[in-house]
Amino acid sequence: MSQTYLTTEELSTKIKYDTRTIRNRLKDSVLLEGVHYIRPFGGRKILYIWERIETDMAKPIDMGILMSGVQ
């Protein structure tokens, strides 16, 4: 199956979230490395996997997981 890789800016345009929100909040709490995004060749650049994000956006989030990091 072919996957569509997006930069942070391209993902921002598709899902209507600010790039800072994606980098700071979503990447750290909702989007998982190896599932929703990759770092090609072990570098710093991040490419998001659109098909996984699109599928998971429709699923409800377990708030317990999100709140576990909040004190």
PDB file of N, CA and C in Angstrom:
ATOM      1  N   MET A   1       0.838  -1.176   0.000  1.00  0.00           N
ATOM      2  CA  MET A   1       0.000   0.000   0.000  1.00  0.00           C
ATOM      3  C   MET A   1       0.887   1.245   0.000  1.00  0.00           C
ATOM      4  N   SER A   2       0.554   2.182  -0.838  1.00  0.00           N
ATOM      5  CA  SER A   2       1.294   3.432  -0.935  1.00  0.00           C
ATOM      6  C   SER A   2       0.874   4.385   0.184  1.00  0.00           C
ATOM      7  N   GLN A   3       1.837   5.102   0.737  1.00  0.00           N
ATOM      8  CA  GLN A   3       1.535   6.052   1.799  1.00  0.00           C
ATOM      9  C   GLN A   3       1.864   7.462   1.323  1.00  0.00           C
ATOM     10  N   THR A   4       1.112   8.413   1.831  1.00  0.00           N
ATOM     11  CA  THR A   4       1.324   9.807   1.495  1.00  0.00           C
ATOM     12  C   THR A   4       2.031  10.473   2.666  1.00  0.00           C
ATOM     13  N   TYR A   5       3.220  10.989   2.411  1.00  0.00           N
ATOM     14  CA  TYR A   5       4.000  11.656   3.442  1.00  0.00           C
ATOM     15  C   TYR A   5       3.839  13.166   3.292  1.00  0.00           C
ATOM     16  N   LEU A   6       3.568  13.825   4.416  1.00  0.00           N
ATOM     17  CA  LEU A   6       3.349  15.270   4.412  1.00  0.00           C
ATOM     18  C   LEU A   6       4.319  15.955   5.369  1.00  0.00           C
ATOM     19  N   THR A   7       4.739  17.144   5.001  1.00  0.00           N
ATOM     20  CA  THR A   7       5.505  17.976   5.921  1.00  0.00           C
ATOM     21  C   THR A   7       4.533  18.564   6.940  1.00  0.00           C
ATOM     22  N   THR A   8       5.060  19.199   7.958  1.00  0.00           N
ATOM     23  CA  THR A   8       4.208  19.832   8.964  1.00  0.00           C
ATOM     24  C   THR A   8       3.318  20.890   8.315  1.00  0.00           C
ATOM     25  N   GLU A   9       3.868  21.653   7.403  1.00  0.00           N
ATOM     26  CA  GLU A   9       3.107  22.706   6.733  1.00  0.00           C
ATOM     27  C   GLU A   9       1.976  22.118   5.885  1.00  0.00           C
ATOM     28  N   GLU A  10       2.257  21.038   5.170  1.00  0.00           N
ATOM     29  CA  GLU A  10       1.222  20.400   4.343  1.00  0.00           C
ATOM     30  C   GLU A  10       0.120  19.807   5.215  1.00  0.00           C
ATOM     31  N   LEU A  11       0.496  19.168   6.329  1.00  0.00           N
ATOM     32  CA  LEU A  11      -0.499  18.618   7.243  1.00  0.00           C
ATOM     33  C   LEU A  11      -1.340  19.736   7.841  1.00  0.00           C
ATOM     34  N   SER A  12      -0.708  20.830   8.188  1.00  0.00           N
ATOM     35  CA  SER A  12      -1.407  21.988   8.742  1.00  0.00           C
ATOM     36  C   SER A  12      -2.511  22.473   7.801  1.00  0.00           C
ATOM     37  N   THR A  13      -2.204  22.542   6.540  1.00  0.00           N
ATOM     38  CA  THR A  13      -3.185  22.976   5.543  1.00  0.00           C
ATOM     39  C   THR A  13      -4.342  21.986   5.446  1.00  0.00           C
ATOM     40  N   LYS A  14      -4.052  20.696   5.475  1.00  0.00           N
ATOM     41  CA  LYS A  14      -5.095  19.674   5.347  1.00  0.00           C
ATOM     42  C   LYS A  14      -6.036  19.620   6.546  1.00  0.00           C
ATOM     43  N   ILE A  15      -5.488  19.709   7.762  1.00  0.00           N
ATOM     44  CA  ILE A  15      -6.338  19.521   8.944  1.00  0.00           C
ATOM     45  C   ILE A  15      -6.720  20.838   9.623  1.00  0.00           C
ATOM     46  N   LYS A  16      -6.268  21.957   9.056  1.00  0.00           N
ATOM     47  CA  LYS A  16      -6.638  23.291   9.559  1.00  0.00           C
ATOM     48  C   LYS A  16      -6.180  23.532  10.994  1.00  0.00           C
ATOM     49  N   TYR A  17      -4.980  23.061  11.311  1.00  0.00           N
ATOM     50  CA  TYR A  17      -4.345  23.331  12.597  1.00  0.00           C
ATOM     51  C   TYR A  17      -3.085  24.135  12.320  1.00  0.00           C
ATOM     52  N   ASP A  18      -2.742  25.019  13.218  1.00  0.00           N
ATOM     53  CA  ASP A  18      -1.517  25.791  13.093  1.00  0.00           C
ATOM     54  C   ASP A  18      -0.314  24.849  13.178  1.00  0.00           C
ATOM     55  N   THR A  19       0.741  25.163  12.452  1.00  0.00           N
ATOM     56  CA  THR A  19       1.928  24.308  12.467  1.00  0.00           C
ATOM     57  C   THR A  19       2.512  24.198  13.875  1.00  0.00           C
ATOM     58  N   ARG A  20       2.439  25.269  14.660  1.00  0.00           N
ATOM     59  CA  ARG A  20       2.950  25.213  16.036  1.00  0.00           C
ATOM     60  C   ARG A  20       2.152  24.240  16.883  1.00  0.00           C
ATOM     61  N   THR A  21       0.843  24.184  16.668  1.00  0.00           N
ATOM     62  CA  THR A  21       0.002  23.240  17.407  1.00  0.00           C
ATOM     63  C   THR A  21       0.393  21.816  17.073  1.00  0.00           C
ATOM     64  N   ILE A  22       0.630  21.551  15.816  1.00  0.00           N
ATOM     65  CA  ILE A  22       1.036  20.204  15.400  1.00  0.00           C
ATOM     66  C   ILE A  22       2.372  19.851  16.048  1.00  0.00           C
ATOM     67  N   ARG A  23       3.326  20.752  15.955  1.00  0.00           N
ATOM     68  CA  ARG A  23       4.667  20.477  16.503  1.00  0.00           C
ATOM     69  C   ARG A  23       4.664  20.337  18.019  1.00  0.00           C
ATOM     70  N   ASN A  24       3.950  21.213  18.709  1.00  0.00           N
ATOM     71  CA  ASN A  24       4.042  21.267  20.167  1.00  0.00           C
ATOM     72  C   ASN A  24       3.056  20.375  20.899  1.00  0.00           C
ATOM     73  N   ARG A  25       1.822  20.309  20.443  1.00  0.00           N
ATOM     74  CA  ARG A  25       0.811  19.577  21.202  1.00  0.00           C
ATOM     75  C   ARG A  25       0.489  18.234  20.596  1.00  0.00           C
ATOM     76  N   LEU A  26       0.140  18.215  19.335  1.00  0.00           N
ATOM     77  CA  LEU A  26      -0.286  16.957  18.720  1.00  0.00           C
ATOM     78  C   LEU A  26       0.846  15.945  18.666  1.00  0.00           C
ATOM     79  N   LYS A  27       2.011  16.391  18.249  1.00  0.00           N
ATOM     80  CA  LYS A  27       3.125  15.463  18.111  1.00  0.00           C
ATOM     81  C   LYS A  27       3.508  14.843  19.450  1.00  0.00           C
ATOM     82  N   ASP A  28       3.369  15.593  20.521  1.00  0.00           N
ATOM     83  CA  ASP A  28       3.770  15.087  21.831  1.00  0.00           C
ATOM     84  C   ASP A  28       2.697  14.279  22.545  1.00  0.00           C
ATOM     85  N   SER A  29       1.427  14.446  22.160  1.00  0.00           N
ATOM     86  CA  SER A  29       0.387  13.766  22.935  1.00  0.00           C
ATOM     87  C   SER A  29      -0.523  12.861  22.113  1.00  0.00           C
ATOM     88  N   VAL A  30      -0.664  13.125  20.839  1.00  0.00           N
ATOM     89  CA  VAL A  30      -1.626  12.370  20.032  1.00  0.00           C
ATOM     90  C   VAL A  30      -0.939  11.587  18.920  1.00  0.00           C
ATOM     91  N   LEU A  31       0.001  12.215  18.267  1.00  0.00           N
ATOM     92  CA  LEU A  31       0.671  11.583  17.129  1.00  0.00           C
ATOM     93  C   LEU A  31       1.911  10.843  17.610  1.00  0.00           C
ATOM     94  N   LEU A  32       2.029   9.597  17.195  1.00  0.00           N
ATOM     95  CA  LEU A  32       3.100   8.723  17.672  1.00  0.00           C
ATOM     96  C   LEU A  32       4.134   8.463  16.583  1.00  0.00           C
ATOM     97  N   GLU A  33       5.400   8.567  16.966  1.00  0.00           N
ATOM     98  CA  GLU A  33       6.471   8.274  16.021  1.00  0.00           C
ATOM     99  C   GLU A  33       6.413   6.806  15.621  1.00  0.00           C
ATOM    100  N   GLY A  34       6.558   6.545  14.340  1.00  0.00           N
ATOM    101  CA  GLY A  34       6.474   5.186  13.819  1.00  0.00           C
ATOM    102  C   GLY A  34       5.063   4.777  13.456  1.00  0.00           C
ATOM    103  N   VAL A  35       4.079   5.506  13.950  1.00  0.00           N
ATOM    104  CA  VAL A  35       2.676   5.231  13.628  1.00  0.00           C
ATOM    105  C   VAL A  35       2.133   6.350  12.745  1.00  0.00           C
ATOM    106  N   HIS A  36       2.213   7.579  13.233  1.00  0.00           N
ATOM    107  CA  HIS A  36       1.668   8.729  12.531  1.00  0.00           C
ATOM    108  C   HIS A  36       2.736   9.557  11.815  1.00  0.00           C
ATOM    109  N   TYR A  37       3.965   9.428  12.230  1.00  0.00           N
ATOM    110  CA  TYR A  37       5.035  10.161  11.560  1.00  0.00           C
ATOM    111  C   TYR A  37       6.343   9.387  11.651  1.00  0.00           C
ATOM    112  N   ILE A  38       7.241   9.744  10.753  1.00  0.00           N
ATOM    113  CA  ILE A  38       8.568   9.126  10.715  1.00  0.00           C
ATOM    114  C   ILE A  38       9.623  10.226  10.643  1.00  0.00           C
ATOM    115  N   ARG A  39      10.830   9.851  10.979  1.00  0.00           N
ATOM    116  CA  ARG A  39      12.001  10.714  10.803  1.00  0.00           C
ATOM    117  C   ARG A  39      12.900   9.991   9.797  1.00  0.00           C
ATOM    118  N   PRO A  40      12.776  10.364   8.506  1.00  0.00           N
ATOM    119  CA  PRO A  40      13.542   9.651   7.480  1.00  0.00           C
ATOM    120  C   PRO A  40      15.044   9.688   7.738  1.00  0.00           C
ATOM    121  N   PHE A  41      15.657   8.561   7.575  1.00  0.00           N
ATOM    122  CA  PHE A  41      17.100   8.405   7.694  1.00  0.00           C
ATOM    123  C   PHE A  41      17.623   8.839   9.066  1.00  0.00           C
ATOM    124  N   GLY A  42      16.770   8.776  10.097  1.00  0.00           N
ATOM    125  CA  GLY A  42      17.178   9.117  11.450  1.00  0.00           C
ATOM    126  C   GLY A  42      17.470  10.593  11.669  1.00  0.00           C
ATOM    127  N   GLY A  43      16.992  11.431  10.757  1.00  0.00           N
ATOM    128  CA  GLY A  43      17.277  12.864  10.850  1.00  0.00           C
ATOM    129  C   GLY A  43      16.278  13.618  11.703  1.00  0.00           C
ATOM    130  N   ARG A  44      16.353  14.926  11.642  1.00  0.00           N
ATOM    131  CA  ARG A  44      15.468  15.790  12.419  1.00  0.00           C
ATOM    132  C   ARG A  44      14.138  16.045  11.720  1.00  0.00           C
ATOM    133  N   LYS A  45      14.137  15.976  10.404  1.00  0.00           N
ATOM    134  CA  LYS A  45      12.924  16.255   9.638  1.00  0.00           C
ATOM    135  C   LYS A  45      11.848  15.231   9.969  1.00  0.00           C
ATOM    136  N   ILE A  46      10.616  15.713  10.066  1.00  0.00           N
ATOM    137  CA  ILE A  46       9.475  14.841  10.353  1.00  0.00           C
ATOM    138  C   ILE A  46       8.560  14.813   9.142  1.00  0.00           C
ATOM    139  N   LEU A  47       8.151  13.607   8.748  1.00  0.00           N
ATOM    140  CA  LEU A  47       7.142  13.442   7.702  1.00  0.00           C
ATOM    141  C   LEU A  47       5.966  12.695   8.300  1.00  0.00           C
ATOM    142  N   TYR A  48       4.772  13.263   8.129  1.00  0.00           N
ATOM    143  CA  TYR A  48       3.551  12.685   8.689  1.00  0.00           C
ATOM    144  C   TYR A  48       2.925  11.746   7.675  1.00  0.00           C
ATOM    145  N   ILE A  49       2.380  10.643   8.164  1.00  0.00           N
ATOM    146  CA  ILE A  49       1.745   9.635   7.305  1.00  0.00           C
ATOM    147  C   ILE A  49       0.250   9.947   7.254  1.00  0.00           C
ATOM    148  N   TRP A  50      -0.188  10.517   6.142  1.00  0.00           N
ATOM    149  CA  TRP A  50      -1.540  11.037   6.027  1.00  0.00           C
ATOM    150  C   TRP A  50      -2.613   9.974   6.261  1.00  0.00           C
ATOM    151  N   GLU A  51      -2.481   8.807   5.696  1.00  0.00           N
ATOM    152  CA  GLU A  51      -3.522   7.776   5.812  1.00  0.00           C
ATOM    153  C   GLU A  51      -3.768   7.389   7.269  1.00  0.00           C
ATOM    154  N   ARG A  52      -2.733   7.265   8.064  1.00  0.00           N
ATOM    155  CA  ARG A  52      -2.893   6.921   9.491  1.00  0.00           C
ATOM    156  C   ARG A  52      -3.549   8.054  10.267  1.00  0.00           C
ATOM    157  N   ILE A  53      -3.128   9.278   9.982  1.00  0.00           N
ATOM    158  CA  ILE A  53      -3.711  10.433  10.663  1.00  0.00           C
ATOM    159  C   ILE A  53      -5.182  10.577  10.298  1.00  0.00           C
ATOM    160  N   GLU A  54      -5.490  10.434   9.029  1.00  0.00           N
ATOM    161  CA  GLU A  54      -6.877  10.563   8.568  1.00  0.00           C
ATOM    162  C   GLU A  54      -7.771   9.519   9.230  1.00  0.00           C
ATOM    163  N   THR A  55      -7.301   8.293   9.330  1.00  0.00           N
ATOM    164  CA  THR A  55      -8.063   7.218   9.965  1.00  0.00           C
ATOM    165  C   THR A  55      -8.261   7.494  11.454  1.00  0.00           C
ATOM    166  N   ASP A  56      -7.201   7.883  12.134  1.00  0.00           N
ATOM    167  CA  ASP A  56      -7.265   8.062  13.582  1.00  0.00           C
ATOM    168  C   ASP A  56      -7.960   9.349  14.011  1.00  0.00           C
ATOM    169  N   MET A  57      -8.074  10.338  13.120  1.00  0.00           N
ATOM    170  CA  MET A  57      -8.757  11.586  13.479  1.00  0.00           C
ATOM    171  C   MET A  57     -10.222  11.338  13.835  1.00  0.00           C
ATOM    172  N   ALA A  58     -10.820  10.351  13.229  1.00  0.00           N
ATOM    173  CA  ALA A  58     -12.239  10.074  13.456  1.00  0.00           C
ATOM    174  C   ALA A  58     -12.490   9.267  14.728  1.00  0.00           C
ATOM    175  N   LYS A  59     -11.421   8.715  15.319  1.00  0.00           N
ATOM    176  CA  LYS A  59     -11.570   7.903  16.528  1.00  0.00           C
ATOM    177  C   LYS A  59     -11.594   8.790  17.768  1.00  0.00           C
ATOM    178  N   PRO A  60     -12.410   8.432  18.763  1.00  0.00           N
ATOM    179  CA  PRO A  60     -12.368   9.202  20.016  1.00  0.00           C
ATOM    180  C   PRO A  60     -11.040   8.978  20.736  1.00  0.00           C
ATOM    181  N   ILE A  61     -10.592  10.001  21.434  1.00  0.00           N
ATOM    182  CA  ILE A  61      -9.326   9.933  22.173  1.00  0.00           C
ATOM    183  C   ILE A  61      -9.621   9.574  23.624  1.00  0.00           C
ATOM    184  N   ASP A  62      -8.809   8.680  24.171  1.00  0.00           N
ATOM    185  CA  ASP A  62      -8.924   8.331  25.589  1.00  0.00           C
ATOM    186  C   ASP A  62      -8.349   9.495  26.397  1.00  0.00           C
ATOM    187  N   MET A  63      -9.213  10.271  27.045  1.00  0.00           N
ATOM    188  CA  MET A  63      -8.776  11.454  27.784  1.00  0.00           C
ATOM    189  C   MET A  63      -7.865  11.080  28.948  1.00  0.00           C
ATOM    190  N   GLY A  64      -7.957   9.873  29.459  1.00  0.00           N
ATOM    191  CA  GLY A  64      -7.071   9.444  30.527  1.00  0.00           C
ATOM    192  C   GLY A  64      -5.617   9.457  30.094  1.00  0.00           C
ATOM    193  N   ILE A  65      -5.388   9.087  28.862  1.00  0.00           N
ATOM    194  CA  ILE A  65      -4.025   9.091  28.322  1.00  0.00           C
ATOM    195  C   ILE A  65      -3.531  10.519  28.215  1.00  0.00           C
ATOM    196  N   LEU A  66      -4.359  11.409  27.691  1.00  0.00           N
ATOM    197  CA  LEU A  66      -3.950  12.796  27.533  1.00  0.00           C
ATOM    198  C   LEU A  66      -3.738  13.478  28.879  1.00  0.00           C
ATOM    199  N   MET A  67      -4.575  13.177  29.835  1.00  0.00           N
ATOM    200  CA  MET A  67      -4.499  13.846  31.130  1.00  0.00           C
ATOM    201  C   MET A  67      -3.418  13.267  32.029  1.00  0.00           C
ATOM    202  N   SER A  68      -2.879  12.107  31.697  1.00  0.00           N
ATOM    203  CA  SER A  68      -1.875  11.488  32.554  1.00  0.00           C
ATOM    204  C   SER A  68      -0.615  12.337  32.671  1.00  0.00           C
ATOM    205  N   GLY A  69      -0.329  13.158  31.657  1.00  0.00           N
ATOM    206  CA  GLY A  69       0.839  14.011  31.714  1.00  0.00           C
ATOM    207  C   GLY A  69       0.562  15.348  32.381  1.00  0.00           C
ATOM    208  N   VAL A  70      -0.683  15.649  32.693  1.00  0.00           N
ATOM    209  CA  VAL A  70      -1.043  16.928  33.302  1.00  0.00           C
ATOM    210  C   VAL A  70      -1.077  16.778  34.817  1.00  0.00           C
ATOM    211  N   GLN A  71      -0.485  17.739  35.506  1.00  0.00           N
ATOM    212  CA  GLN A  71      -0.474  17.676  36.968  1.00  0.00           C
ATOM    213  C   GLN A  71      -1.163  18.848  37.571  1.00  0.00           C
TER     214      GLN A  71
END
